[in-house]
C-alpha atoms as a PDB file:
ATOM      1  CA  MET A   1      42.267  62.325  66.624  1.00  0.00           C
ATOM      2  CA  THR A   2      41.217  62.135  62.943  1.00  0.00           C
ATOM      3  CA  THR A   3      37.724  62.401  61.488  1.00  0.00           C
ATOM      4  CA  PRO A   4      35.533  59.883  60.044  1.00  0.00           C
ATOM      5  CA  GLU A   5      36.797  58.279  56.716  1.00  0.00           C
ATOM      6  CA  SER A   6      36.039  60.244  53.741  1.00  0.00           C
ATOM      7  CA  SER A   7      35.302  59.523  50.063  1.00  0.00           C
ATOM      8  CA  PRO A   8      34.215  61.495  47.097  1.00  0.00           C
ATOM      9  CA  GLU A   9      30.648  61.835  45.917  1.00  0.00           C
ATOM     10  CA  THR A  10      29.592  59.186  43.561  1.00  0.00           C
ATOM     11  CA  THR A  11      26.806  59.363  40.923  1.00  0.00           C
ATOM     12  CA  SER A  12      24.210  56.678  40.124  1.00  0.00           C
ATOM     13  CA  GLY A  13      22.286  57.732  36.728  1.00  0.00           C
ATOM     14  CA  ASP A  14      21.412  61.265  37.279  1.00  0.00           C
ATOM     15  CA  ALA A  15      21.050  61.144  41.141  1.00  0.00           C
ATOM     16  CA  VAL A  16      23.979  62.351  43.146  1.00  0.00           C
ATOM     17  CA  THR A  17      24.685  60.305  46.085  1.00  0.00           C
ATOM     18  CA  SER A  18      26.630  61.839  49.014  1.00  0.00           C
ATOM     19  CA  TYR A  19      28.630  60.235  51.876  1.00  0.00           C
ATOM     20  CA  GLU A  20      26.247  62.209  54.195  1.00  0.00           C
ATOM     21  CA  ALA A  21      23.254  60.693  52.459  1.00  0.00           C
ATOM     22  CA  ALA A  22      24.793  57.327  53.265  1.00  0.00           C
ATOM     23  CA  GLY A  23      24.812  58.246  56.804  1.00  0.00           C
ATOM     24  CA  VAL A  24      28.385  59.671  57.423  1.00  0.00           C
ATOM     25  CA  SER A  25      28.774  63.341  58.303  1.00  0.00           C
ATOM     26  CA  ILE A  26      32.249  64.740  57.890  1.00  0.00           C
ATOM     27  CA  GLU A  27      31.052  68.103  59.343  1.00  0.00           C
ATOM     28  CA  ALA A  28      29.796  66.265  62.441  1.00  0.00           C
ATOM     29  CA  GLY A  29      33.229  64.630  62.693  1.00  0.00           C
ATOM     30  CA  ASP A  30      35.135  67.750  62.361  1.00  0.00           C
ATOM     31  CA  LYS A  31      33.013  69.371  65.029  1.00  0.00           C
ATOM     32  CA  ALA A  32      33.477  66.480  67.265  1.00  0.00           C
ATOM     33  CA  VAL A  33      37.430  66.924  66.854  1.00  0.00           C
ATOM     34  CA  GLU A  34      36.990  70.662  67.837  1.00  0.00           C
ATOM     35  CA  LEU A  35      35.087  69.740  70.975  1.00  0.00           C
ATOM     36  CA  LEU A  36      37.534  67.030  72.183  1.00  0.00           C
ATOM     37  CA  LYS A  37      40.717  69.156  71.706  1.00  0.00           C
ATOM     38  CA  SER A  38      40.580  70.709  75.014  1.00  0.00           C
ATOM     39  CA  HIS A  39      40.227  67.509  76.905  1.00  0.00           C
ATOM     40  CA  ALA A  40      43.120  65.733  74.834  1.00  0.00           C
ATOM     41  CA  GLN A  41      45.389  68.881  75.515  1.00  0.00           C
ATOM     42  CA  ARG A  42      45.258  68.423  79.262  1.00  0.00           C
ATOM     43  CA  ALA A  43      46.410  64.907  79.014  1.00  0.00           C
ATOM     44  CA  THR A  44      49.998  65.301  77.726  1.00  0.00           C
ATOM     45  CA  ARG A  45      53.754  64.915  78.778  1.00  0.00           C
ATOM     46  CA  PRO A  46      56.852  67.073  77.875  1.00  0.00           C
ATOM     47  CA  GLU A  47      57.780  64.317  75.439  1.00  0.00           C
ATOM     48  CA  VAL A  48      54.879  64.914  73.250  1.00  0.00           C
ATOM     49  CA  ARG A  49      55.705  66.508  69.865  1.00  0.00           C
ATOM     50  CA  GLY A  50      53.203  68.024  67.574  1.00  0.00           C
ATOM     51  CA  GLY A  51      49.503  68.240  68.441  1.00  0.00           C
ATOM     52  CA  ILE A  52      45.988  66.701  67.870  1.00  0.00           C
ATOM     53  CA  GLY A  53      45.039  66.490  64.282  1.00  0.00           C
ATOM     54  CA  GLY A  54      48.176  64.927  62.512  1.00  0.00           C
ATOM     55  CA  PHE A  55      48.195  61.556  60.772  1.00  0.00           C
ATOM     56  CA  ALA A  56      50.481  60.151  63.399  1.00  0.00           C
ATOM     57  CA  GLY A  57      51.351  61.135  67.121  1.00  0.00           C
ATOM     58  CA  LEU A  58      54.877  61.850  67.989  1.00  0.00           C
ATOM     59  CA  PHE A  59      56.682  61.219  71.196  1.00  0.00           C
ATOM     60  CA  ALA A  60      60.431  61.660  72.166  1.00  0.00           C
ATOM     61  CA  LEU A  61      61.523  58.568  73.941  1.00  0.00           C
ATOM     62  CA  GLY A  62      64.247  60.304  75.905  1.00  0.00           C
ATOM     63  CA  LYS A  63      67.410  58.785  77.374  1.00  0.00           C
ATOM     64  CA  TYR A  64      67.415  55.316  78.557  1.00  0.00           C
ATOM     65  CA  ARG A  65      70.186  52.840  79.132  1.00  0.00           C
ATOM     66  CA  GLU A  66      68.524  49.833  77.661  1.00  0.00           C
ATOM     67  CA  PRO A  67      64.800  50.649  77.273  1.00  0.00           C
ATOM     68  CA  LEU A  68      62.096  48.043  76.517  1.00  0.00           C
ATOM     69  CA  LEU A  69      58.838  49.321  75.156  1.00  0.00           C
ATOM     70  CA  ALA A  70      55.670  47.558  76.452  1.00  0.00           C
ATOM     71  CA  SER A  71      52.335  47.926  74.718  1.00  0.00           C
ATOM     72  CA  GLY A  72      48.853  46.624  75.294  1.00  0.00           C
ATOM     73  CA  SER A  73      45.398  47.055  73.858  1.00  0.00           C
ATOM     74  CA  ASP A  74      41.917  46.602  75.417  1.00  0.00           C
ATOM     75  CA  GLY A  75      38.428  47.881  75.406  1.00  0.00           C
ATOM     76  CA  VAL A  76      35.786  48.034  78.314  1.00  0.00           C
ATOM     77  CA  GLY A  77      33.497  45.085  77.193  1.00  0.00           C
ATOM     78  CA  THR A  78      29.755  45.243  77.785  1.00  0.00           C
ATOM     79  CA  LYS A  79      30.164  48.027  80.505  1.00  0.00           C
ATOM     80  CA  LEU A  80      29.335  49.961  77.486  1.00  0.00           C
ATOM     81  CA  VAL A  81      25.563  48.960  77.709  1.00  0.00           C
ATOM     82  CA  ILE A  82      25.445  50.522  81.223  1.00  0.00           C
ATOM     83  CA  ALA A  83      26.797  53.824  79.996  1.00  0.00           C
ATOM     84  CA  GLN A  84      24.369  53.845  76.995  1.00  0.00           C
ATOM     85  CA  ALA A  85      21.348  52.945  79.286  1.00  0.00           C
ATOM     86  CA  MET A  86      22.394  55.906  81.640  1.00  0.00           C
ATOM     87  CA  ASP A  87      23.296  58.220  78.920  1.00  0.00           C
ATOM     88  CA  LYS A  88      26.316  58.963  80.896  1.00  0.00           C
ATOM     89  CA  HIS A  89      29.697  58.821  78.853  1.00  0.00           C
ATOM     90  CA  ASP A  90      32.154  60.752  80.801  1.00  0.00           C
ATOM     91  CA  THR A  91      33.554  57.883  82.794  1.00  0.00           C
ATOM     92  CA  ILE A  92      33.873  54.983  80.330  1.00  0.00           C
ATOM     93  CA  GLY A  93      37.066  56.521  79.051  1.00  0.00           C
ATOM     94  CA  ILE A  94      38.693  56.090  82.496  1.00  0.00           C
ATOM     95  CA  ASP A  95      37.717  52.527  82.425  1.00  0.00           C
ATOM     96  CA  LEU A  96      39.462  52.187  79.022  1.00  0.00           C
ATOM     97  CA  VAL A  97      42.619  53.672  80.082  1.00  0.00           C
ATOM     98  CA  ALA A  98      42.710  51.772  83.368  1.00  0.00           C
ATOM     99  CA  MET A  99      42.410  48.305  81.336  1.00  0.00           C
ATOM    100  CA  CYS A 100      45.428  49.313  79.249  1.00  0.00           C
ATOM    101  CA  VAL A 101      47.972  51.057  81.532  1.00  0.00           C
ATOM    102  CA  ASP A 102      47.501  48.818  84.609  1.00  0.00           C
ATOM    103  CA  ASP A 103      48.446  45.809  82.241  1.00  0.00           C
ATOM    104  CA  LEU A 104      51.755  47.676  81.450  1.00  0.00           C
ATOM    105  CA  VAL A 105      52.851  48.190  85.077  1.00  0.00           C
ATOM    106  CA  VAL A 106      52.684  44.554  85.889  1.00  0.00           C
ATOM    107  CA  CYS A 107      56.137  44.362  84.239  1.00  0.00           C
ATOM    108  CA  GLY A 108      57.337  47.807  85.869  1.00  0.00           C
ATOM    109  CA  ALA A 109      56.633  49.682  82.668  1.00  0.00           C
ATOM    110  CA  GLU A 110      55.849  53.377  82.982  1.00  0.00           C
ATOM    111  CA  PRO A 111      52.822  54.366  80.699  1.00  0.00           C
ATOM    112  CA  LEU A 112      54.083  57.035  78.353  1.00  0.00           C
ATOM    113  CA  PHE A 113      50.981  57.521  75.931  1.00  0.00           C
ATOM    114  CA  LEU A 114      47.706  56.107  74.684  1.00  0.00           C
ATOM    115  CA  GLN A 115      45.935  56.065  71.429  1.00  0.00           C
ATOM    116  CA  ASP A 116      41.941  55.588  71.304  1.00  0.00           C
ATOM    117  CA  TYR A 117      39.643  54.251  68.729  1.00  0.00           C
ATOM    118  CA  ILE A 118      35.956  55.246  68.847  1.00  0.00           C
ATOM    119  CA  ALA A 119      33.432  53.611  66.670  1.00  0.00           C
ATOM    120  CA  VAL A 120      29.769  55.057  66.621  1.00  0.00           C
ATOM    121  CA  GLY A 121      26.781  54.527  64.568  1.00  0.00           C
ATOM    122  CA  LYS A 122      26.260  58.224  64.340  1.00  0.00           C
ATOM    123  CA  VAL A 123      28.650  60.930  65.075  1.00  0.00           C
ATOM    124  CA  VAL A 124      27.201  63.125  67.990  1.00  0.00           C
ATOM    125  CA  PRO A 125      29.958  65.679  68.581  1.00  0.00           C
ATOM    126  CA  GLU A 126      28.985  66.423  72.164  1.00  0.00           C
ATOM    127  CA  LYS A 127      28.958  62.617  73.030  1.00  0.00           C
ATOM    128  CA  ILE A 128      32.237  62.206  71.357  1.00  0.00           C
ATOM    129  CA  ALA A 129      33.701  64.936  73.440  1.00  0.00           C
ATOM    130  CA  GLU A 130      32.240  63.396  76.653  1.00  0.00           C
ATOM    131  CA  ILE A 131      33.719  59.952  75.995  1.00  0.00           C
ATOM    132  CA  VAL A 132      37.310  61.663  75.204  1.00  0.00           C
ATOM    133  CA  SER A 133      36.994  63.810  78.441  1.00  0.00           C
ATOM    134  CA  GLY A 134      37.036  60.383  80.367  1.00  0.00           C
ATOM    135  CA  ILE A 135      39.978  59.157  78.329  1.00  0.00           C
ATOM    136  CA  ALA A 136      41.861  62.334  79.107  1.00  0.00           C
ATOM    137  CA  GLU A 137      40.945  62.186  82.721  1.00  0.00           C
ATOM    138  CA  GLY A 138      42.319  58.413  82.898  1.00  0.00           C
ATOM    139  CA  CYS A 139      45.518  59.479  81.191  1.00  0.00           C
ATOM    140  CA  VAL A 140      45.993  62.245  83.682  1.00  0.00           C
ATOM    141  CA  GLN A 141      45.536  59.714  86.607  1.00  0.00           C
ATOM    142  CA  ALA A 142      47.994  57.499  84.878  1.00  0.00           C
ATOM    143  CA  GLY A 143      50.517  60.061  84.061  1.00  0.00           C
ATOM    144  CA  ALA A 144      50.260  59.249  80.522  1.00  0.00           C
ATOM    145  CA  ALA A 145      49.688  61.356  77.229  1.00  0.00           C
ATOM    146  CA  LEU A 146      46.754  60.966  74.987  1.00  0.00           C
ATOM    147  CA  LEU A 147      48.587  61.136  71.979  1.00  0.00           C
ATOM    148  CA  GLY A 148      45.773  60.740  69.396  1.00  0.00           C
ATOM    149  CA  GLY A 149      43.222  58.415  68.018  1.00  0.00           C
ATOM    150  CA  GLU A 150      40.477  57.669  65.604  1.00  0.00           C
ATOM    151  CA  THR A 151      36.805  58.307  65.487  1.00  0.00           C
ATOM    152  CA  ALA A 152      34.856  56.276  62.838  1.00  0.00           C
ATOM    153  CA  GLU A 153      31.176  56.314  61.843  1.00  0.00           C
ATOM    154  CA  HIS A 154      29.408  53.073  61.049  1.00  0.00           C
ATOM    155  CA  PRO A 155      25.987  53.656  59.784  1.00  0.00           C
ATOM    156  CA  GLY A 156      24.116  50.586  58.881  1.00  0.00           C
ATOM    157  CA  VAL A 157      26.441  48.645  60.926  1.00  0.00           C
ATOM    158  CA  MET A 158      25.825  50.110  64.480  1.00  0.00           C
ATOM    159  CA  GLY A 159      22.632  51.566  65.806  1.00  0.00           C
ATOM    160  CA  GLU A 160      22.590  55.440  66.019  1.00  0.00           C
ATOM    161  CA  ASN A 161      23.157  55.469  69.681  1.00  0.00           C
ATOM    162  CA  ASP A 162      25.687  52.690  69.795  1.00  0.00           C
ATOM    163  CA  TYR A 163      29.393  53.107  70.105  1.00  0.00           C
ATOM    164  CA  ASP A 164      32.493  51.035  70.982  1.00  0.00           C
ATOM    165  CA  VAL A 165      35.821  52.219  72.328  1.00  0.00           C
ATOM    166  CA  SER A 166      39.339  50.578  72.331  1.00  0.00           C
ATOM    167  CA  ALA A 167      42.876  51.908  72.963  1.00  0.00           C
ATOM    168  CA  THR A 168      46.439  50.782  72.849  1.00  0.00           C
ATOM    169  CA  ALA A 169      48.874  52.107  75.519  1.00  0.00           C
ATOM    170  CA  VAL A 170      52.639  52.205  75.190  1.00  0.00           C
ATOM    171  CA  GLY A 171      55.091  52.234  78.103  1.00  0.00           C
ATOM    172  CA  VAL A 172      58.876  51.796  78.793  1.00  0.00           C
ATOM    173  CA  VAL A 173      61.001  50.036  81.358  1.00  0.00           C
ATOM    174  CA  GLU A 174      64.566  49.627  81.717  1.00  0.00           C
ATOM    175  CA  ALA A 175      65.766  46.024  80.894  1.00  0.00           C
ATOM    176  CA  ASP A 176      67.337  45.602  84.320  1.00  0.00           C
ATOM    177  CA  GLU A 177      64.248  46.850  86.077  1.00  0.00           C
ATOM    178  CA  LEU A 178      61.938  44.501  84.355  1.00  0.00           C
ATOM    179  CA  LEU A 179      59.516  42.866  86.759  1.00  0.00           C
ATOM    180  CA  GLY A 180      58.147  39.295  86.353  1.00  0.00           C
ATOM    181  CA  PRO A 181      57.686  35.726  87.459  1.00  0.00           C
ATOM    182  CA  GLU A 182      61.395  34.985  87.225  1.00  0.00           C
ATOM    183  CA  LYS A 183      61.906  37.487  90.171  1.00  0.00           C
ATOM    184  CA  VAL A 184      59.456  35.682  92.370  1.00  0.00           C
ATOM    185  CA  ARG A 185      60.848  33.876  95.460  1.00  0.00           C
ATOM    186  CA  VAL A 186      59.516  31.518  98.056  1.00  0.00           C
ATOM    187  CA  GLY A 187      58.602  33.537 101.173  1.00  0.00           C
ATOM    188  CA  ASP A 188      57.493  36.687  99.108  1.00  0.00           C
ATOM    189  CA  VAL A 189      54.431  38.393 100.549  1.00  0.00           C
ATOM    190  CA  ILE A 190      51.229  38.972  98.384  1.00  0.00           C
ATOM    191  CA  ILE A 191      49.778  42.320  98.808  1.00  0.00           C
ATOM    192  CA  GLY A 192      46.062  42.949  97.757  1.00  0.00           C
ATOM    193  CA  MET A 193      44.814  46.296  96.546  1.00  0.00           C
ATOM    194  CA  ARG A 194      41.120  47.028  96.790  1.00  0.00           C
ATOM    195  CA  SER A 195      39.030  47.463  93.592  1.00  0.00           C
ATOM    196  CA  SER A 196      36.501  50.167  93.227  1.00  0.00           C
ATOM    197  CA  GLY A 197      33.911  47.587  92.182  1.00  0.00           C
ATOM    198  CA  LEU A 198      33.363  45.452  89.164  1.00  0.00           C
ATOM    199  CA  HIS A 199      35.991  47.445  87.266  1.00  0.00           C
ATOM    200  CA  SER A 200      35.458  46.412  83.584  1.00  0.00           C
ATOM    201  CA  ASN A 201      35.106  42.778  83.920  1.00  0.00           C
ATOM    202  CA  GLY A 202      31.985  40.274  84.121  1.00  0.00           C
ATOM    203  CA  TYR A 203      29.466  42.693  82.943  1.00  0.00           C
ATOM    204  CA  SER A 204      27.657  40.085  80.663  1.00  0.00           C
ATOM    205  CA  LEU A 205      27.060  37.789  83.801  1.00  0.00           C
ATOM    206  CA  ALA A 206      26.120  40.820  85.969  1.00  0.00           C
ATOM    207  CA  ARG A 207      23.640  42.217  83.361  1.00  0.00           C
ATOM    208  CA  HIS A 208      22.135  38.640  82.893  1.00  0.00           C
ATOM    209  CA  VAL A 209      21.625  38.334  86.727  1.00  0.00           C
ATOM    210  CA  LEU A 210      20.722  41.826  87.620  1.00  0.00           C
ATOM    211  CA  PHE A 211      18.570  42.877  84.479  1.00  0.00           C
ATOM    212  CA  ASP A 212      17.318  39.556  82.886  1.00  0.00           C
ATOM    213  CA  LYS A 213      16.777  37.444  85.881  1.00  0.00           C
ATOM    214  CA  ALA A 214      15.971  39.940  88.597  1.00  0.00           C
ATOM    215  CA  GLY A 215      14.309  42.409  86.517  1.00  0.00           C
ATOM    216  CA  LEU A 216      16.026  45.374  87.776  1.00  0.00           C
ATOM    217  CA  SER A 217      17.129  48.344  85.614  1.00  0.00           C
ATOM    218  CA  VAL A 218      19.970  51.020  85.954  1.00  0.00           C
ATOM    219  CA  ASP A 219      17.366  53.341  87.642  1.00  0.00           C
ATOM    220  CA  SER A 220      16.398  50.679  90.524  1.00  0.00           C
ATOM    221  CA  TYR A 221      17.299  51.676  93.936  1.00  0.00           C
ATOM    222  CA  VAL A 222      18.977  48.865  95.616  1.00  0.00           C
ATOM    223  CA  GLU A 223      18.988  49.350  99.650  1.00  0.00           C
ATOM    224  CA  GLU A 224      22.113  47.327 100.359  1.00  0.00           C
ATOM    225  CA  LEU A 225      24.104  49.369  97.624  1.00  0.00           C
ATOM    226  CA  GLY A 226      22.986  52.564  99.142  1.00  0.00           C
ATOM    227  CA  GLY A 227      21.952  53.917  95.564  1.00  0.00           C
ATOM    228  CA  THR A 228      20.768  52.912  92.141  1.00  0.00           C
ATOM    229  CA  LEU A 229      22.149  50.007  90.273  1.00  0.00           C
ATOM    230  CA  GLY A 230      23.288  52.118  87.486  1.00  0.00           C
ATOM    231  CA  GLU A 231      25.495  54.382  90.024  1.00  0.00           C
ATOM    232  CA  GLU A 232      27.109  51.137  91.193  1.00  0.00           C
ATOM    233  CA  LEU A 233      27.757  49.445  87.757  1.00  0.00           C
ATOM    234  CA  ILE A 234      29.104  52.872  86.117  1.00  0.00           C
ATOM    235  CA  LYS A 235      31.664  53.364  88.834  1.00  0.00           C
ATOM    236  CA  PRO A 236      34.998  53.870  87.069  1.00  0.00           C
ATOM    237  CA  THR A 237      37.852  51.323  87.212  1.00  0.00           C
ATOM    238  CA  GLN A 238      40.663  52.306  89.679  1.00  0.00           C
ATOM    239  CA  ILE A 239      43.950  53.070  88.012  1.00  0.00           C
ATOM    240  CA  TYR A 240      46.795  51.874  90.084  1.00  0.00           C
ATOM    241  CA  ALA A 241      49.572  52.740  87.481  1.00  0.00           C
ATOM    242  CA  LEU A 242      51.352  55.666  89.469  1.00  0.00           C
ATOM    243  CA  ASP A 243      50.887  53.870  92.833  1.00  0.00           C
ATOM    244  CA  CYS A 244      52.491  50.756  91.487  1.00  0.00           C
ATOM    245  CA  LEU A 245      55.382  52.565  89.927  1.00  0.00           C
ATOM    246  CA  ALA A 246      56.017  54.458  93.249  1.00  0.00           C
ATOM    247  CA  LEU A 247      56.088  51.161  95.112  1.00  0.00           C
ATOM    248  CA  ALA A 248      58.385  49.563  92.691  1.00  0.00           C
ATOM    249  CA  ASN A 249      60.815  52.566  92.901  1.00  0.00           C
ATOM    250  CA  GLU A 250      61.062  52.303  96.822  1.00  0.00           C
ATOM    251  CA  CYS A 251      60.479  48.712  97.648  1.00  0.00           C
ATOM    252  CA  GLU A 252      61.658  45.323  96.331  1.00  0.00           C
ATOM    253  CA  VAL A 253      58.676  44.527  94.290  1.00  0.00           C
ATOM    254  CA  ARG A 254      59.006  41.179  92.297  1.00  0.00           C
ATOM    255  CA  THR A 255      56.140  41.727  90.008  1.00  0.00           C
ATOM    256  CA  PHE A 256      52.205  42.819  90.059  1.00  0.00           C
ATOM    257  CA  CYS A 257      49.154  41.197  88.887  1.00  0.00           C
ATOM    258  CA  HIS A 258      46.350  43.157  87.400  1.00  0.00           C
ATOM    259  CA  VAL A 259      43.139  41.258  88.330  1.00  0.00           C
ATOM    260  CA  THR A 260      40.791  41.335  85.222  1.00  0.00           C
ATOM    261  CA  GLY A 261      38.916  38.665  83.552  1.00  0.00           C
ATOM    262  CA  GLY A 262      39.511  35.133  85.004  1.00  0.00           C
ATOM    263  CA  GLY A 263      39.612  36.588  88.570  1.00  0.00           C
ATOM    264  CA  LEU A 264      42.210  36.676  91.244  1.00  0.00           C
ATOM    265  CA  ALA A 265      43.514  32.970  91.119  1.00  0.00           C
ATOM    266  CA  GLY A 266      43.363  32.877  87.385  1.00  0.00           C
ATOM    267  CA  ASN A 267      45.482  35.993  86.868  1.00  0.00           C
ATOM    268  CA  MET A 268      47.846  35.251  89.695  1.00  0.00           C
ATOM    269  CA  GLU A 269      48.575  31.894  87.942  1.00  0.00           C
ATOM    270  CA  ARG A 270      50.220  34.009  85.189  1.00  0.00           C
ATOM    271  CA  ILE A 271      52.809  35.602  87.386  1.00  0.00           C
ATOM    272  CA  ILE A 272      53.847  32.627  89.737  1.00  0.00           C
ATOM    273  CA  PRO A 273      56.675  30.578  88.343  1.00  0.00           C
ATOM    274  CA  GLU A 274      56.462  26.683  88.061  1.00  0.00           C
ATOM    275  CA  GLY A 275      57.443  24.981  91.366  1.00  0.00           C
ATOM    276  CA  MET A 276      55.730  27.717  93.407  1.00  0.00           C
ATOM    277  CA  VAL A 277      52.289  28.601  94.784  1.00  0.00           C
ATOM    278  CA  ALA A 278      50.637  31.798  95.649  1.00  0.00           C
ATOM    279  CA  GLU A 279      48.446  30.906  98.630  1.00  0.00           C
ATOM    280  CA  MET A 280      45.927  33.480  99.425  1.00  0.00           C
ATOM    281  CA  ASP A 281      43.475  33.781 102.338  1.00  0.00           C
ATOM    282  CA  ARG A 282      39.811  34.904 101.506  1.00  0.00           C
ATOM    283  CA  ASN A 283      39.284  35.985 105.227  1.00  0.00           C
ATOM    284  CA  THR A 284      41.786  38.859 104.785  1.00  0.00           C
ATOM    285  CA  TRP A 285      39.225  41.066 102.991  1.00  0.00           C
ATOM    286  CA  THR A 286      35.472  41.674 102.456  1.00  0.00           C
ATOM    287  CA  PRO A 287      34.248  41.679  98.978  1.00  0.00           C
ATOM    288  CA  HIS A 288      32.120  44.680  97.862  1.00  0.00           C
ATOM    289  CA  GLN A 289      28.219  44.384  98.317  1.00  0.00           C
ATOM    290  CA  ILE A 290      27.622  44.311  94.500  1.00  0.00           C
ATOM    291  CA  PHE A 291      29.347  40.896  94.343  1.00  0.00           C
ATOM    292  CA  ARG A 292      27.074  39.506  97.168  1.00  0.00           C
ATOM    293  CA  THR A 293      24.060  40.935  95.448  1.00  0.00           C
ATOM    294  CA  ILE A 294      24.904  39.212  92.132  1.00  0.00           C
ATOM    295  CA  GLU A 295      25.763  35.942  93.852  1.00  0.00           C
ATOM    296  CA  SER A 296      22.457  36.137  95.867  1.00  0.00           C
ATOM    297  CA  LEU A 297      20.086  37.247  93.057  1.00  0.00           C
ATOM    298  CA  GLY A 298      21.534  34.885  90.533  1.00  0.00           C
ATOM    299  CA  LYS A 299      22.253  31.856  92.741  1.00  0.00           C
ATOM    300  CA  VAL A 300      25.769  31.951  91.143  1.00  0.00           C
ATOM    301  CA  PRO A 301      28.144  29.571  92.629  1.00  0.00           C
ATOM    302  CA  ARG A 302      31.077  30.943  94.474  1.00  0.00           C
ATOM    303  CA  GLU A 303      33.504  29.222  92.058  1.00  0.00           C
ATOM    304  CA  GLU A 304      31.934  31.050  89.188  1.00  0.00           C
ATOM    305  CA  MET A 305      31.861  34.321  90.911  1.00  0.00           C
ATOM    306  CA  GLU A 306      35.523  34.014  91.689  1.00  0.00           C
ATOM    307  CA  LYS A 307      36.229  32.947  88.085  1.00  0.00           C
ATOM    308  CA  THR A 308      34.433  35.990  86.476  1.00  0.00           C
ATOM    309  CA  PHE A 309      34.871  38.879  88.852  1.00  0.00           C
ATOM    310  CA  ASN A 310      37.698  40.545  90.656  1.00  0.00           C
ATOM    311  CA  MET A 311      35.714  40.278  93.973  1.00  0.00           C
ATOM    312  CA  GLY A 312      37.087  43.442  95.407  1.00  0.00           C
ATOM    313  CA  VAL A 313      40.997  42.882  94.627  1.00  0.00           C
ATOM    314  CA  GLY A 314      41.905  45.073  91.554  1.00  0.00           C
ATOM    315  CA  MET A 315      45.476  44.858  91.649  1.00  0.00           C
ATOM    316  CA  VAL A 316      48.201  42.548  93.586  1.00  0.00           C
ATOM    317  CA  ALA A 317      51.783  43.344  94.378  1.00  0.00           C
ATOM    318  CA  VAL A 318      54.349  40.498  95.212  1.00  0.00           C
ATOM    319  CA  VAL A 319      57.169  41.971  97.330  1.00  0.00           C
ATOM    320  CA  SER A 320      60.057  40.686  99.326  1.00  0.00           C
ATOM    321  CA  ALA A 321      58.963  39.737 102.900  1.00  0.00           C
ATOM    322  CA  ASN A 322      61.594  42.328 104.298  1.00  0.00           C
ATOM    323  CA  ASP A 323      59.633  45.206 102.563  1.00  0.00           C
ATOM    324  CA  LYS A 324      56.109  44.025 103.405  1.00  0.00           C
ATOM    325  CA  ASP A 325      55.443  46.789 106.166  1.00  0.00           C
ATOM    326  CA  ARG A 326      57.037  49.505 104.008  1.00  0.00           C
ATOM    327  CA  ALA A 327      54.782  48.510 100.898  1.00  0.00           C
ATOM    328  CA  LEU A 328      51.757  48.505 102.985  1.00  0.00           C
ATOM    329  CA  ALA A 329      52.659  51.914 104.520  1.00  0.00           C
ATOM    330  CA  MET A 330      53.478  53.487 101.293  1.00  0.00           C
ATOM    331  CA  LEU A 331      50.267  52.398  99.670  1.00  0.00           C
ATOM    332  CA  THR A 332      48.201  53.436 102.551  1.00  0.00           C
ATOM    333  CA  ALA A 333      49.848  56.949 102.399  1.00  0.00           C
ATOM    334  CA  ARG A 334      48.720  57.063  98.835  1.00  0.00           C
ATOM    335  CA  HIS A 335      45.323  56.313  99.777  1.00  0.00           C
ATOM    336  CA  ILE A 336      45.194  52.677  98.350  1.00  0.00           C
ATOM    337  CA  ASP A 337      43.135  50.332 100.492  1.00  0.00           C
ATOM    338  CA  CYS A 338      45.590  47.414 100.873  1.00  0.00           C
ATOM    339  CA  TRP A 339      46.314  44.307 103.075  1.00  0.00           C
ATOM    340  CA  GLU A 340      48.437  41.315 103.295  1.00  0.00           C
ATOM    341  CA  LEU A 341      46.702  38.851 101.177  1.00  0.00           C
ATOM    342  CA  GLY A 342      49.046  35.839 101.406  1.00  0.00           C
ATOM    343  CA  GLN A 343      52.280  34.390 100.677  1.00  0.00           C
ATOM    344  CA  VAL A 344      54.371  32.408  98.044  1.00  0.00           C
ATOM    345  CA  ARG A 345      55.392  28.884  99.108  1.00  0.00           C
ATOM    346  CA  SER A 346      57.118  25.943  97.552  1.00  0.00           C
ATOM    347  CA  ALA A 347      54.758  23.695  95.574  1.00  0.00           C
ATOM    348  CA  GLN A 348      53.973  20.347  97.339  1.00  0.00           C
ATOM    349  CA  GLU A 349      52.862  16.860  96.177  1.00  0.00           C
ATOM    350  CA  GLY A 350      49.251  17.141  95.230  1.00  0.00           C
ATOM    351  CA  ASP A 351      49.219  20.903  94.430  1.00  0.00           C
ATOM    352  CA  GLU A 352      47.186  21.307  91.179  1.00  0.00           C
ATOM    353  CA  ALA A 353      47.510  25.076  90.720  1.00  0.00           C
ATOM    354  CA  ARG A 354      49.963  27.840  91.144  1.00  0.00           C
ATOM    355  CA  ALA A 355      47.410  30.045  92.962  1.00  0.00           C
ATOM    356  CA  VAL A 356      44.756  28.848  95.494  1.00  0.00           C
ATOM    357  CA  LEU A 357      42.496  30.587  97.777  1.00  0.00           C
ATOM    358  CA  HIS A 358      41.820  29.318 101.273  1.00  0.00           C
ATOM    359  CA  GLY A 359      39.140  30.308 103.856  1.00  0.00           C
ATOM    360  CA  GLU A 360      35.522  30.804 103.823  1.00  0.00           C
ATOM    361  CA  ASN A 361      35.370  34.576 104.415  1.00  0.00           C
ATOM    362  CA  PRO A 362      32.537  34.580 106.974  1.00  0.00           C
ATOM    363  CA  LYS A 363      32.373  38.481 106.540  1.00  0.00           C
ATOM    364  CA  TYR A 364      31.099  37.697 102.945  1.00  0.00           C
END
């Protein structure tokens, strides 16, 4: 982790202008680094070399036959607005890690390390440490090391209480163990894994409906949710990385699908090869109440809901039909709520998409 950018004092006439007078406190940045060190140190792996504070993070790759490095960068979108409104910053880092590492495991890559970037209007060391505590917790859940990062103070560009976060994760997979569309076969079974809620997508639509149209706030108690709206919207994104890797180790997994922006069908399109269709049944699961609330209060068409939100399906595994029962049992044993969502079939004349949803889901 490095401190905010520094520059020498400059003079204008007889007046001395300092960096702190311009809104950047190097002292606060240094204090933030000290406070976050304990969090970062618990998110590590044996391959990490050096420690927090260097100009670059070092990681010993180890011995692989033919390693392929996988990387991905992401943020958490406007879910940040919820964290800022609630003044709760210790879970947004979990969301950040989830958005990065669960993209890596789609191809079978094991997350190795993550580096974060936090931009703030004003450095409040305790808040920075709170954010990093969530990033560290996410890394622990994913089995990855928090290798380093950057904190930057942007006065005059961001409000004093505003911040944004992003990260890049790096993983590795053996070339002959790479997962992907080319491994998918007709007859493969599609397994759905339940999300923890909205995860980190669709918050602009959710906020527009719940706050702007319905006039609710993060403190509003919503009976059907069994708590305040803020408590529901701040729920951390489920991290599936270690569960997916364990499944790929024991079962014939063709590929995974991380359900993010674009929804279930939109993301499944990315992993189904031409000439095949992923046929999924809405009747096999019940979406979370928060999705029903958004659809009802905003009069949002079902098509728009399914295009924007995960609707209760956070991750999908495509497995050989022969391994379906073993895969479901394994995930259940790891406390992942999962079910048979559908099947891969040959494309037929008239098929317009490679992923389709059928059924009306009366439970919804």
